[in-house]
PDB file of N, CA and C in Angstrom:
ATOM      1  N   MET A   1     -32.318   7.645 -19.969  1.00  0.00           N
ATOM      2  CA  MET A   1     -31.413   8.358 -19.593  1.00  0.00           C
ATOM      3  C   MET A   1     -31.142   8.963 -18.454  1.00  0.00           C
ATOM      4  N   ALA A   2     -32.452   9.094 -17.791  1.00  0.00           N
ATOM      5  CA  ALA A   2     -33.089   9.359 -16.315  1.00  0.00           C
ATOM      6  C   ALA A   2     -32.835   8.229 -15.321  1.00  0.00           C
ATOM      7  N   LYS A   3     -32.490   6.945 -16.019  1.00  0.00           N
ATOM      8  CA  LYS A   3     -32.101   5.898 -15.084  1.00  0.00           C
ATOM      9  C   LYS A   3     -30.769   6.133 -14.618  1.00  0.00           C
ATOM     10  N   ASN A   4     -30.184   6.580 -15.559  1.00  0.00           N
ATOM     11  CA  ASN A   4     -28.499   6.372 -15.576  1.00  0.00           C
ATOM     12  C   ASN A   4     -27.781   7.436 -14.579  1.00  0.00           C
ATOM     13  N   LEU A   5     -28.782   8.371 -14.349  1.00  0.00           N
ATOM     14  CA  LEU A   5     -28.512   9.838 -13.572  1.00  0.00           C
ATOM     15  C   LEU A   5     -27.713   9.471 -12.666  1.00  0.00           C
ATOM     16  N   PRO A   6     -28.495   8.630 -11.463  1.00  0.00           N
ATOM     17  CA  PRO A   6     -27.964   8.431 -10.221  1.00  0.00           C
ATOM     18  C   PRO A   6     -26.783   7.626 -10.247  1.00  0.00           C
ATOM     19  N   GLN A   7     -26.747   6.406 -11.245  1.00  0.00           N
ATOM     20  CA  GLN A   7     -25.398   6.048 -11.426  1.00  0.00           C
ATOM     21  C   GLN A   7     -24.409   6.468 -11.528  1.00  0.00           C
ATOM     22  N   GLN A   8     -24.300   7.532 -12.545  1.00  0.00           N
ATOM     23  CA  GLN A   8     -23.635   8.847 -13.176  1.00  0.00           C
ATOM     24  C   GLN A   8     -22.902   9.253 -11.536  1.00  0.00           C
ATOM     25  N   GLU A   9     -23.864  10.256 -10.921  1.00  0.00           N
ATOM     26  CA  GLU A   9     -23.690  10.842  -9.974  1.00  0.00           C
ATOM     27  C   GLU A   9     -22.675  10.095  -8.789  1.00  0.00           C
ATOM     28  N   LEU A  10     -22.979   8.733  -8.471  1.00  0.00           N
ATOM     29  CA  LEU A  10     -22.208   7.625  -7.700  1.00  0.00           C
ATOM     30  C   LEU A  10     -20.916   7.511  -8.442  1.00  0.00           C
ATOM     31  N   LEU A  11     -20.514   7.100  -9.932  1.00  0.00           N
ATOM     32  CA  LEU A  11     -19.473   6.951 -10.482  1.00  0.00           C
ATOM     33  C   LEU A  11     -18.810   8.726 -10.190  1.00  0.00           C
ATOM     34  N   GLN A  12     -19.531   9.602 -10.039  1.00  0.00           N
ATOM     35  CA  GLN A  12     -18.374  10.914 -10.102  1.00  0.00           C
ATOM     36  C   GLN A  12     -17.780  11.088  -8.833  1.00  0.00           C
ATOM     37  N   LYS A  13     -18.885  10.496  -7.823  1.00  0.00           N
ATOM     38  CA  LYS A  13     -18.352  10.615  -6.371  1.00  0.00           C
ATOM     39  C   LYS A  13     -17.356   9.814  -5.827  1.00  0.00           C
ATOM     40  N   MET A  14     -17.481   8.545  -6.684  1.00  0.00           N
ATOM     41  CA  MET A  14     -16.268   7.982  -6.527  1.00  0.00           C
ATOM     42  C   MET A  14     -15.052   8.039  -7.081  1.00  0.00           C
ATOM     43  N   GLU A  15     -15.160   8.752  -8.216  1.00  0.00           N
ATOM     44  CA  GLU A  15     -14.027   9.138  -8.501  1.00  0.00           C
ATOM     45  C   GLU A  15     -13.363  10.095  -8.234  1.00  0.00           C
ATOM     46  N   GLN A  16     -14.076  10.919  -7.166  1.00  0.00           N
ATOM     47  CA  GLN A  16     -13.259  12.280  -6.369  1.00  0.00           C
ATOM     48  C   GLN A  16     -12.822  11.661  -5.289  1.00  0.00           C
ATOM     49  N   LEU A  17     -13.408  10.583  -4.880  1.00  0.00           N
ATOM     50  CA  LEU A  17     -13.207  10.040  -3.793  1.00  0.00           C
ATOM     51  C   LEU A  17     -11.412   9.260  -3.604  1.00  0.00           C
ATOM     52  N   PHE A  18     -11.823   8.584  -4.896  1.00  0.00           N
ATOM     53  CA  PHE A  18     -10.246   7.934  -5.579  1.00  0.00           C
ATOM     54  C   PHE A  18      -9.211   8.533  -5.555  1.00  0.00           C
ATOM     55  N   ARG A  19      -9.233  10.222  -5.974  1.00  0.00           N
ATOM     56  CA  ARG A  19      -8.484  10.468  -6.576  1.00  0.00           C
ATOM     57  C   ARG A  19      -7.700  11.307  -5.501  1.00  0.00           C
ATOM     58  N   ARG A  20      -8.260  10.965  -4.362  1.00  0.00           N
ATOM     59  CA  ARG A  20      -8.076  11.661  -2.915  1.00  0.00           C
ATOM     60  C   ARG A  20      -6.667  10.664  -2.328  1.00  0.00           C
ATOM     61  N   PHE A  21      -6.654   9.278  -3.003  1.00  0.00           N
ATOM     62  CA  PHE A  21      -5.689   8.471  -2.744  1.00  0.00           C
ATOM     63  C   PHE A  21      -4.692   8.247  -3.660  1.00  0.00           C
ATOM     64  N   ASP A  22      -4.887   9.528  -4.603  1.00  0.00           N
ATOM     65  CA  ASP A  22      -3.458   9.571  -5.768  1.00  0.00           C
ATOM     66  C   ASP A  22      -2.445   9.898  -5.114  1.00  0.00           C
ATOM     67  N   GLN A  23      -1.048   9.974  -6.032  1.00  0.00           N
ATOM     68  CA  GLN A  23      -0.234  10.583  -5.153  1.00  0.00           C
ATOM     69  C   GLN A  23      -0.144  12.086  -4.891  1.00  0.00           C
ATOM     70  N   SER A  24      -0.854  12.518  -5.306  1.00  0.00           N
ATOM     71  CA  SER A  24      -0.880  14.277  -5.357  1.00  0.00           C
ATOM     72  C   SER A  24      -2.204  14.722  -4.378  1.00  0.00           C
ATOM     73  N   GLY A  25      -3.015  13.654  -4.010  1.00  0.00           N
ATOM     74  CA  GLY A  25      -4.067  13.585  -2.975  1.00  0.00           C
ATOM     75  C   GLY A  25      -4.023  13.528  -1.745  1.00  0.00           C
ATOM     76  N   ASP A  26      -4.800  14.341  -0.688  1.00  0.00           N
ATOM     77  CA  ASP A  26      -4.761  14.560   1.037  1.00  0.00           C
ATOM     78  C   ASP A  26      -4.144  13.307   1.422  1.00  0.00           C
ATOM     79  N   LEU A  27      -5.091  11.843   0.757  1.00  0.00           N
ATOM     80  CA  LEU A  27      -4.586  10.856   1.554  1.00  0.00           C
ATOM     81  C   LEU A  27      -3.603   9.561   0.721  1.00  0.00           C
ATOM     82  N   GLY A  28      -3.256  10.337   0.089  1.00  0.00           N
ATOM     83  CA  GLY A  28      -2.091   9.738  -0.968  1.00  0.00           C
ATOM     84  C   GLY A  28      -0.833   9.392  -0.159  1.00  0.00           C
ATOM     85  N   PRO A  29       0.296   8.656  -0.849  1.00  0.00           N
ATOM     86  CA  PRO A  29       1.014   7.958  -0.140  1.00  0.00           C
ATOM     87  C   PRO A  29       2.369   9.100   0.248  1.00  0.00           C
ATOM     88  N   VAL A  30       2.826   9.035   1.818  1.00  0.00           N
ATOM     89  CA  VAL A  30       4.099   9.830   1.867  1.00  0.00           C
ATOM     90  C   VAL A  30       5.088   9.685   0.773  1.00  0.00           C
ATOM     91  N   GLN A  31       5.558  10.372   0.336  1.00  0.00           N
ATOM     92  CA  GLN A  31       6.795  10.425  -0.361  1.00  0.00           C
ATOM     93  C   GLN A  31       8.268  10.592   0.096  1.00  0.00           C
ATOM     94  N   SER A  32       8.335  11.294   1.152  1.00  0.00           N
ATOM     95  CA  SER A  32       9.670  11.563   1.974  1.00  0.00           C
ATOM     96  C   SER A  32       9.582  11.531   3.348  1.00  0.00           C
ATOM     97  N   ARG A  33      10.944  11.071   3.692  1.00  0.00           N
ATOM     98  CA  ARG A  33      11.003  11.256   5.500  1.00  0.00           C
ATOM     99  C   ARG A  33      10.309  12.697   5.666  1.00  0.00           C
ATOM    100  N   GLU A  34      10.840  14.006   4.970  1.00  0.00           N
ATOM    101  CA  GLU A  34      10.118  15.322   5.126  1.00  0.00           C
ATOM    102  C   GLU A  34       8.822  15.352   5.514  1.00  0.00           C
ATOM    103  N   GLU A  35       8.268  14.679   4.449  1.00  0.00           N
ATOM    104  CA  GLU A  35       6.457  14.999   4.478  1.00  0.00           C
ATOM    105  C   GLU A  35       6.348  13.883   5.343  1.00  0.00           C
ATOM    106  N   TRP A  36       6.508  12.874   6.279  1.00  0.00           N
ATOM    107  CA  TRP A  36       5.850  12.180   6.988  1.00  0.00           C
ATOM    108  C   TRP A  36       6.090  12.761   8.399  1.00  0.00           C
ATOM    109  N   ASP A  37       7.282  13.561   8.579  1.00  0.00           N
ATOM    110  CA  ASP A  37       7.575  14.483   9.598  1.00  0.00           C
ATOM    111  C   ASP A  37       6.474  15.324  10.147  1.00  0.00           C
ATOM    112  N   LYS A  38       6.862  16.347   8.487  1.00  0.00           N
ATOM    113  CA  LYS A  38       5.575  17.295   9.085  1.00  0.00           C
ATOM    114  C   LYS A  38       4.237  16.696   9.335  1.00  0.00           C
ATOM    115  N   LEU A  39       3.814  15.589   8.592  1.00  0.00           N
ATOM    116  CA  LEU A  39       2.431  14.953   8.985  1.00  0.00           C
ATOM    117  C   LEU A  39       2.887  14.818  10.448  1.00  0.00           C
ATOM    118  N   LEU A  40       3.227  14.009  11.127  1.00  0.00           N
ATOM    119  CA  LEU A  40       3.607  13.527  12.297  1.00  0.00           C
ATOM    120  C   LEU A  40       3.147  15.295  13.117  1.00  0.00           C
ATOM    121  N   GLU A  41       4.042  16.084  13.040  1.00  0.00           N
ATOM    122  CA  GLU A  41       4.293  17.253  13.665  1.00  0.00           C
ATOM    123  C   GLU A  41       2.876  17.860  13.802  1.00  0.00           C
ATOM    124  N   SER A  42       2.053  17.742  12.719  1.00  0.00           N
ATOM    125  CA  SER A  42       0.265  18.416  12.603  1.00  0.00           C
ATOM    126  C   SER A  42      -0.701  17.436  13.484  1.00  0.00           C
ATOM    127  N   ARG A  43      -0.066  16.399  14.064  1.00  0.00           N
ATOM    128  CA  ARG A  43      -1.175  15.804  14.600  1.00  0.00           C
ATOM    129  C   ARG A  43      -1.112  15.974  16.358  1.00  0.00           C
ATOM    130  N   PRO A  44      -1.895  15.645  16.802  1.00  0.00           N
ATOM    131  CA  PRO A  44      -2.117  15.846  18.689  1.00  0.00           C
ATOM    132  C   PRO A  44      -1.008  14.324  19.165  1.00  0.00           C
ATOM    133  N   ALA A  45      -0.100  15.004  20.151  1.00  0.00           N
ATOM    134  CA  ALA A  45       0.889  13.909  20.321  1.00  0.00           C
ATOM    135  C   ALA A  45       0.545  12.414  20.965  1.00  0.00           C
ATOM    136  N   GLU A  46      -0.804  11.959  20.951  1.00  0.00           N
ATOM    137  CA  GLU A  46      -1.402  11.219  21.083  1.00  0.00           C
ATOM    138  C   GLU A  46      -1.478  10.370  19.855  1.00  0.00           C
ATOM    139  N   GLU A  47      -1.758  10.713  18.865  1.00  0.00           N
ATOM    140  CA  GLU A  47      -1.965  10.471  17.326  1.00  0.00           C
ATOM    141  C   GLU A  47      -0.582   9.985  16.955  1.00  0.00           C
ATOM    142  N   GLN A  48       0.454  11.061  17.319  1.00  0.00           N
ATOM    143  CA  GLN A  48       1.778  11.006  16.832  1.00  0.00           C
ATOM    144  C   GLN A  48       2.450   9.579  17.534  1.00  0.00           C
ATOM    145  N   ARG A  49       2.203   9.374  18.516  1.00  0.00           N
ATOM    146  CA  ARG A  49       2.572   8.469  18.784  1.00  0.00           C
ATOM    147  C   ARG A  49       1.861   6.951  18.250  1.00  0.00           C
ATOM    148  N   LEU A  50       1.054   6.889  17.872  1.00  0.00           N
ATOM    149  CA  LEU A  50       0.074   5.724  17.404  1.00  0.00           C
ATOM    150  C   LEU A  50       0.885   5.812  15.971  1.00  0.00           C
ATOM    151  N   LEU A  51       0.752   6.772  14.948  1.00  0.00           N
ATOM    152  CA  LEU A  51       1.173   6.752  13.795  1.00  0.00           C
ATOM    153  C   LEU A  51       2.731   6.236  13.962  1.00  0.00           C
ATOM    154  N   THR A  52       3.354   6.634  14.810  1.00  0.00           N
ATOM    155  CA  THR A  52       4.862   5.997  15.058  1.00  0.00           C
ATOM    156  C   THR A  52       4.519   4.496  14.933  1.00  0.00           C
ATOM    157  N   GLU A  53       4.127   3.834  16.073  1.00  0.00           N
ATOM    158  CA  GLU A  53       3.957   2.705  16.181  1.00  0.00           C
ATOM    159  C   GLU A  53       3.595   2.121  14.896  1.00  0.00           C
ATOM    160  N   LEU A  54       2.403   2.337  14.098  1.00  0.00           N
ATOM    161  CA  LEU A  54       1.464   1.949  12.700  1.00  0.00           C
ATOM    162  C   LEU A  54       2.969   1.600  11.803  1.00  0.00           C
ATOM    163  N   ALA A  55       3.847   3.253  11.839  1.00  0.00           N
ATOM    164  CA  ALA A  55       5.033   3.020  10.775  1.00  0.00           C
ATOM    165  C   ALA A  55       6.010   1.864  11.177  1.00  0.00           C
ATOM    166  N   ASN A  56       5.894   1.980  12.766  1.00  0.00           N
ATOM    167  CA  ASN A  56       7.070   0.756  13.248  1.00  0.00           C
ATOM    168  C   ASN A  56       6.510  -0.707  12.385  1.00  0.00           C
ATOM    169  N   PHE A  57       5.189  -1.046  12.976  1.00  0.00           N
ATOM    170  CA  PHE A  57       4.623  -2.312  12.800  1.00  0.00           C
ATOM    171  C   PHE A  57       4.963  -2.326  11.060  1.00  0.00           C
ATOM    172  N   ALA A  58       4.346  -1.374   9.985  1.00  0.00           N
ATOM    173  CA  ALA A  58       4.453  -1.747   8.951  1.00  0.00           C
ATOM    174  C   ALA A  58       6.123  -1.728   8.506  1.00  0.00           C
ATOM    175  N   ASP A  59       7.043  -1.465   9.345  1.00  0.00           N
ATOM    176  CA  ASP A  59       8.494  -1.999   8.631  1.00  0.00           C
ATOM    177  C   ASP A  59       8.371  -3.352   9.077  1.00  0.00           C
ATOM    178  N   LEU A  60       7.766  -3.754   9.911  1.00  0.00           N
ATOM    179  CA  LEU A  60       8.246  -5.015  10.829  1.00  0.00           C
ATOM    180  C   LEU A  60       7.737  -6.029   9.738  1.00  0.00           C
ATOM    181  N   TRP A  61       6.590  -5.827   9.646  1.00  0.00           N
ATOM    182  CA  TRP A  61       5.755  -6.727   8.793  1.00  0.00           C
ATOM    183  C   TRP A  61       6.159  -6.549   7.235  1.00  0.00           C
ATOM    184  N   ARG A  62       6.552  -5.446   6.898  1.00  0.00           N
ATOM    185  CA  ARG A  62       7.303  -5.785   5.311  1.00  0.00           C
ATOM    186  C   ARG A  62       8.384  -6.561   5.505  1.00  0.00           C
ATOM    187  N   TYR A  63       9.472  -6.757   6.353  1.00  0.00           N
ATOM    188  CA  TYR A  63      10.872  -6.962   6.537  1.00  0.00           C
ATOM    189  C   TYR A  63      10.138  -8.523   6.797  1.00  0.00           C
ATOM    190  N   LEU A  64       9.264  -9.020   7.453  1.00  0.00           N
ATOM    191  CA  LEU A  64       9.047  -9.971   7.781  1.00  0.00           C
ATOM    192  C   LEU A  64       8.778 -11.024   5.987  1.00  0.00           C
ATOM    193  N   GLN A  65       7.436 -10.454   5.528  1.00  0.00           N
ATOM    194  CA  GLN A  65       7.095 -10.792   4.262  1.00  0.00           C
ATOM    195  C   GLN A  65       8.517 -10.954   3.402  1.00  0.00           C
ATOM    196  N   GLN A  66       9.315 -10.291   3.458  1.00  0.00           N
ATOM    197  CA  GLN A  66      10.407 -10.098   2.553  1.00  0.00           C
ATOM    198  C   GLN A  66      11.446 -11.490   2.597  1.00  0.00           C
ATOM    199  N   ARG A  67      11.061 -11.698   4.069  1.00  0.00           N
ATOM    200  CA  ARG A  67      11.656 -13.008   4.072  1.00  0.00           C
ATOM    201  C   ARG A  67      10.873 -14.488   4.203  1.00  0.00           C
ATOM    202  N   LYS A  68       9.544 -13.908   3.726  1.00  0.00           N
ATOM    203  CA  LYS A  68       8.503 -15.117   3.595  1.00  0.00           C
ATOM    204  C   LYS A  68       8.036 -15.354   4.867  1.00  0.00           C
ATOM    205  N   GLU A  69       7.994 -14.527   6.113  1.00  0.00           N
ATOM    206  CA  GLU A  69       7.587 -15.263   7.229  1.00  0.00           C
ATOM    207  C   GLU A  69       6.342 -14.613   7.361  1.00  0.00           C
ATOM    208  N   LYS A  70       5.531 -15.228   8.489  1.00  0.00           N
ATOM    209  CA  LYS A  70       3.796 -14.636   8.634  1.00  0.00           C
ATOM    210  C   LYS A  70       4.115 -14.495   9.859  1.00  0.00           C
ATOM    211  N   LEU A  71       3.079 -13.338  10.416  1.00  0.00           N
ATOM    212  CA  LEU A  71       2.715 -12.799  11.442  1.00  0.00           C
ATOM    213  C   LEU A  71       2.378 -13.493  12.567  1.00  0.00           C
ATOM    214  N   GLY A  72       1.604 -14.747  12.232  1.00  0.00           N
ATOM    215  CA  GLY A  72       1.301 -15.678  13.070  1.00  0.00           C
ATOM    216  C   GLY A  72      -0.042 -15.416  13.522  1.00  0.00           C
ATOM    217  N   PRO A  73      -0.856 -16.177  14.021  1.00  0.00           N
ATOM    218  CA  PRO A  73      -2.176 -16.031  14.492  1.00  0.00           C
ATOM    219  C   PRO A  73      -2.479 -15.337  15.673  1.00  0.00           C
ATOM    220  N   GLU A  74      -1.064 -15.296  16.670  1.00  0.00           N
ATOM    221  CA  GLU A  74      -1.474 -14.475  17.771  1.00  0.00           C
ATOM    222  C   GLU A  74      -1.361 -12.474  17.464  1.00  0.00           C
ATOM    223  N   ILE A  75      -0.682 -12.754  16.558  1.00  0.00           N
ATOM    224  CA  ILE A  75      -0.356 -11.232  16.018  1.00  0.00           C
ATOM    225  C   ILE A  75      -1.415 -10.748  15.630  1.00  0.00           C
ATOM    226  N   VAL A  76      -1.873 -11.509  14.460  1.00  0.00           N
ATOM    227  CA  VAL A  76      -2.814 -11.358  13.761  1.00  0.00           C
ATOM    228  C   VAL A  76      -4.367 -10.873  14.418  1.00  0.00           C
ATOM    229  N   ASN A  77      -4.757 -11.640  15.357  1.00  0.00           N
ATOM    230  CA  ASN A  77      -5.561 -11.464  16.207  1.00  0.00           C
ATOM    231  C   ASN A  77      -5.473 -10.254  17.412  1.00  0.00           C
ATOM    232  N   ARG A  78      -4.614 -10.198  17.329  1.00  0.00           N
ATOM    233  CA  ARG A  78      -4.085  -8.890  18.306  1.00  0.00           C
ATOM    234  C   ARG A  78      -4.472  -7.474  17.594  1.00  0.00           C
ATOM    235  N   ILE A  79      -3.946  -7.384  16.082  1.00  0.00           N
ATOM    236  CA  ILE A  79      -4.034  -6.316  15.134  1.00  0.00           C
ATOM    237  C   ILE A  79      -5.462  -6.359  14.868  1.00  0.00           C
ATOM    238  N   GLY A  80      -6.342  -7.609  14.633  1.00  0.00           N
ATOM    239  CA  GLY A  80      -7.507  -7.450  14.359  1.00  0.00           C
ATOM    240  C   GLY A  80      -8.441  -6.548  15.802  1.00  0.00           C
ATOM    241  N   ARG A  81      -7.864  -6.748  16.851  1.00  0.00           N
ATOM    242  CA  ARG A  81      -8.742  -6.201  17.871  1.00  0.00           C
ATOM    243  C   ARG A  81      -8.417  -4.642  17.888  1.00  0.00           C
ATOM    244  N   LEU A  82      -7.395  -4.175  17.225  1.00  0.00           N
ATOM    245  CA  LEU A  82      -6.946  -3.072  17.925  1.00  0.00           C
ATOM    246  C   LEU A  82      -8.033  -2.126  17.797  1.00  0.00           C
ATOM    247  N   HIS A  83      -8.662  -2.096  16.872  1.00  0.00           N
ATOM    248  CA  HIS A  83      -9.603  -0.949  16.632  1.00  0.00           C
ATOM    249  C   HIS A  83     -10.992  -1.042  17.587  1.00  0.00           C
ATOM    250  N   GLU A  84     -10.790  -1.595  18.407  1.00  0.00           N
ATOM    251  CA  GLU A  84     -11.949  -1.701  19.723  1.00  0.00           C
ATOM    252  C   GLU A  84     -11.254  -1.120  21.251  1.00  0.00           C
ATOM    253  N   LEU A  85     -10.120  -0.563  20.718  1.00  0.00           N
ATOM    254  CA  LEU A  85      -9.330  -0.301  21.899  1.00  0.00           C
ATOM    255  C   LEU A  85      -9.273   1.411  22.107  1.00  0.00           C
ATOM    256  N   PRO A  86      -9.373   2.349  22.663  1.00  0.00           N
ATOM    257  CA  PRO A  86      -8.922   3.969  22.710  1.00  0.00           C
ATOM    258  C   PRO A  86      -7.644   3.875  22.125  1.00  0.00           C
ATOM    259  N   VAL A  87      -7.678   5.025  21.948  1.00  0.00           N
ATOM    260  CA  VAL A  87      -6.278   5.430  21.176  1.00  0.00           C
ATOM    261  C   VAL A  87      -4.787   5.293  22.033  1.00  0.00           C
ATOM    262  N   THR A  88      -4.769   5.919  23.010  1.00  0.00           N
ATOM    263  CA  THR A  88      -4.092   5.393  24.017  1.00  0.00           C
ATOM    264  C   THR A  88      -3.530   3.834  24.598  1.00  0.00           C
ATOM    265  N   GLU A  89      -4.692   2.813  24.779  1.00  0.00           N
ATOM    266  CA  GLU A  89      -4.248   1.442  24.655  1.00  0.00           C
ATOM    267  C   GLU A  89      -4.138   0.823  23.206  1.00  0.00           C
ATOM    268  N   ARG A  90      -4.652   1.563  22.239  1.00  0.00           N
ATOM    269  CA  ARG A  90      -4.075   0.731  21.222  1.00  0.00           C
ATOM    270  C   ARG A  90      -2.684   0.718  20.879  1.00  0.00           C
ATOM    271  N   THR A  91      -2.128   2.128  21.328  1.00  0.00           N
ATOM    272  CA  THR A  91      -0.560   2.661  20.715  1.00  0.00           C
ATOM    273  C   THR A  91       0.110   2.019  21.461  1.00  0.00           C
ATOM    274  N   SER A  92      -0.472   1.536  23.402  1.00  0.00           N
ATOM    275  CA  SER A  92       0.253   0.125  24.155  1.00  0.00           C
ATOM    276  C   SER A  92       0.158  -1.096  23.427  1.00  0.00           C
ATOM    277  N   GLU A  93      -1.221  -1.183  22.925  1.00  0.00           N
ATOM    278  CA  GLU A  93      -0.739  -2.906  22.731  1.00  0.00           C
ATOM    279  C   GLU A  93      -0.002  -2.827  21.282  1.00  0.00           C
ATOM    280  N   LEU A  94       0.147  -1.679  20.597  1.00  0.00           N
ATOM    281  CA  LEU A  94       0.697  -2.292  19.096  1.00  0.00           C
ATOM    282  C   LEU A  94       2.373  -1.825  19.343  1.00  0.00           C
ATOM    283  N   LYS A  95       2.724  -1.334  20.556  1.00  0.00           N
ATOM    284  CA  LYS A  95       3.966  -1.046  20.966  1.00  0.00           C
ATOM    285  C   LYS A  95       4.618  -2.786  21.308  1.00  0.00           C
ATOM    286  N   GLU A  96       3.184  -3.126  22.143  1.00  0.00           N
ATOM    287  CA  GLU A  96       4.044  -4.601  22.490  1.00  0.00           C
ATOM    288  C   GLU A  96       3.973  -5.352  21.697  1.00  0.00           C
ATOM    289  N   ILE A  97       3.028  -5.428  20.483  1.00  0.00           N
ATOM    290  CA  ILE A  97       3.067  -6.245  19.251  1.00  0.00           C
ATOM    291  C   ILE A  97       4.586  -6.003  18.658  1.00  0.00           C
ATOM    292  N   ASN A  98       4.887  -4.891  18.165  1.00  0.00           N
ATOM    293  CA  ASN A  98       6.100  -4.755  17.875  1.00  0.00           C
ATOM    294  C   ASN A  98       6.999  -5.053  18.331  1.00  0.00           C
ATOM    295  N   GLN A  99       7.336  -5.000  19.575  1.00  0.00           N
ATOM    296  CA  GLN A  99       8.408  -5.434  20.707  1.00  0.00           C
ATOM    297  C   GLN A  99       8.314  -7.323  20.196  1.00  0.00           C
ATOM    298  N   THR A 100       7.399  -7.995  20.100  1.00  0.00           N
ATOM    299  CA  THR A 100       7.404  -9.118  20.190  1.00  0.00           C
ATOM    300  C   THR A 100       8.073  -9.419  18.689  1.00  0.00           C
ATOM    301  N   LEU A 101       7.475  -8.928  18.128  1.00  0.00           N
ATOM    302  CA  LEU A 101       7.758  -8.912  16.451  1.00  0.00           C
ATOM    303  C   LEU A 101       9.427  -8.929  16.489  1.00  0.00           C
ATOM    304  N   LEU A 102       9.824  -7.514  16.659  1.00  0.00           N
ATOM    305  CA  LEU A 102      11.133  -7.199  17.005  1.00  0.00           C
ATOM    306  C   LEU A 102      12.416  -8.451  17.601  1.00  0.00           C
ATOM    307  N   HIS A 103      11.575  -8.916  18.541  1.00  0.00           N
ATOM    308  CA  HIS A 103      12.957  -9.814  19.330  1.00  0.00           C
ATOM    309  C   HIS A 103      12.593 -11.010  18.397  1.00  0.00           C
ATOM    310  N   ARG A 104      11.557 -11.529  17.958  1.00  0.00           N
ATOM    311  CA  ARG A 104      11.489 -12.639  16.435  1.00  0.00           C
ATOM    312  C   ARG A 104      12.621 -12.066  15.702  1.00  0.00           C
ATOM    313  N   VAL A 105      12.306 -10.967  15.164  1.00  0.00           N
ATOM    314  CA  VAL A 105      13.480 -10.471  14.083  1.00  0.00           C
ATOM    315  C   VAL A 105      14.936 -10.894  14.500  1.00  0.00           C
ATOM    316  N   LYS A 106      15.449  -9.999  15.637  1.00  0.00           N
ATOM    317  CA  LYS A 106      16.471 -10.087  16.413  1.00  0.00           C
ATOM    318  C   LYS A 106      16.732 -11.356  16.576  1.00  0.00           C
ATOM    319  N   ASP A 107      16.052 -12.325  16.949  1.00  0.00           N
ATOM    320  CA  ASP A 107      16.404 -14.053  17.329  1.00  0.00           C
ATOM    321  C   ASP A 107      16.820 -14.462  15.931  1.00  0.00           C
ATOM    322  N   ALA A 108      16.046 -14.381  14.846  1.00  0.00           N
ATOM    323  CA  ALA A 108      16.379 -14.966  13.548  1.00  0.00           C
ATOM    324  C   ALA A 108      17.229 -14.244  13.048  1.00  0.00           C
ATOM    325  N   ASP A 109      17.702 -13.351  13.085  1.00  0.00           N
ATOM    326  CA  ASP A 109      18.627 -12.744  12.142  1.00  0.00           C
ATOM    327  C   ASP A 109      19.200 -11.361  12.885  1.00  0.00           C
ATOM    328  N   PRO A 110      20.185 -11.606  13.574  1.00  0.00           N
ATOM    329  CA  PRO A 110      21.344 -10.620  14.570  1.00  0.00           C
ATOM    330  C   PRO A 110      21.589  -9.477  14.277  1.00  0.00           C
ATOM    331  N   ASP A 111      21.776  -9.614  12.801  1.00  0.00           N
ATOM    332  CA  ASP A 111      22.452  -8.431  11.974  1.00  0.00           C
ATOM    333  C   ASP A 111      21.241  -7.350  11.092  1.00  0.00           C
ATOM    334  N   SER A 112      20.272  -8.015  11.174  1.00  0.00           N
ATOM    335  CA  SER A 112      19.092  -7.288  10.680  1.00  0.00           C
ATOM    336  C   SER A 112      19.027  -5.556  11.094  1.00  0.00           C
ATOM    337  N   ARG A 113      18.689  -4.761  10.271  1.00  0.00           N
ATOM    338  CA  ARG A 113      18.652  -3.541  10.140  1.00  0.00           C
ATOM    339  C   ARG A 113      17.188  -2.825   9.882  1.00  0.00           C
ATOM    340  N   LEU A 114      16.630  -2.786  11.002  1.00  0.00           N
ATOM    341  CA  LEU A 114      15.336  -2.102  10.839  1.00  0.00           C
ATOM    342  C   LEU A 114      15.212  -0.801  11.568  1.00  0.00           C
ATOM    343  N   ARG A 115      14.839   0.239  10.926  1.00  0.00           N
ATOM    344  CA  ARG A 115      14.054   1.653  11.318  1.00  0.00           C
ATOM    345  C   ARG A 115      13.513   1.361  12.508  1.00  0.00           C
ATOM    346  N   HIS A 116      13.907   1.654  13.800  1.00  0.00           N
ATOM    347  CA  HIS A 116      13.037   1.830  15.251  1.00  0.00           C
ATOM    348  C   HIS A 116      13.390   2.771  16.090  1.00  0.00           C
TER     349      HIS A 116
END
């Protein structure tokens, strides 16, 4: 029994962490636009800009996935390097990535309706 104790403790800690990602957890998905707006308002301005660009990227990527289009290696590489940049540069780079994707979407479908 004593051998299982560390494993049991680890399992309990993992369950606690996973519960944070449940709908009602502090790291759970945002359920409404109002909840998203409150989350943004609670963050510093620089982080608000980053979160906004991340949300825009998620919308664009979702749209491309629905159309069965890929991001492409250049975009994937740029996204993969974002974590290396300071927040301000990360936001600028992400904004440029979003503009590139938005131009691709508009070129492919001029009637597309994306939130931006």
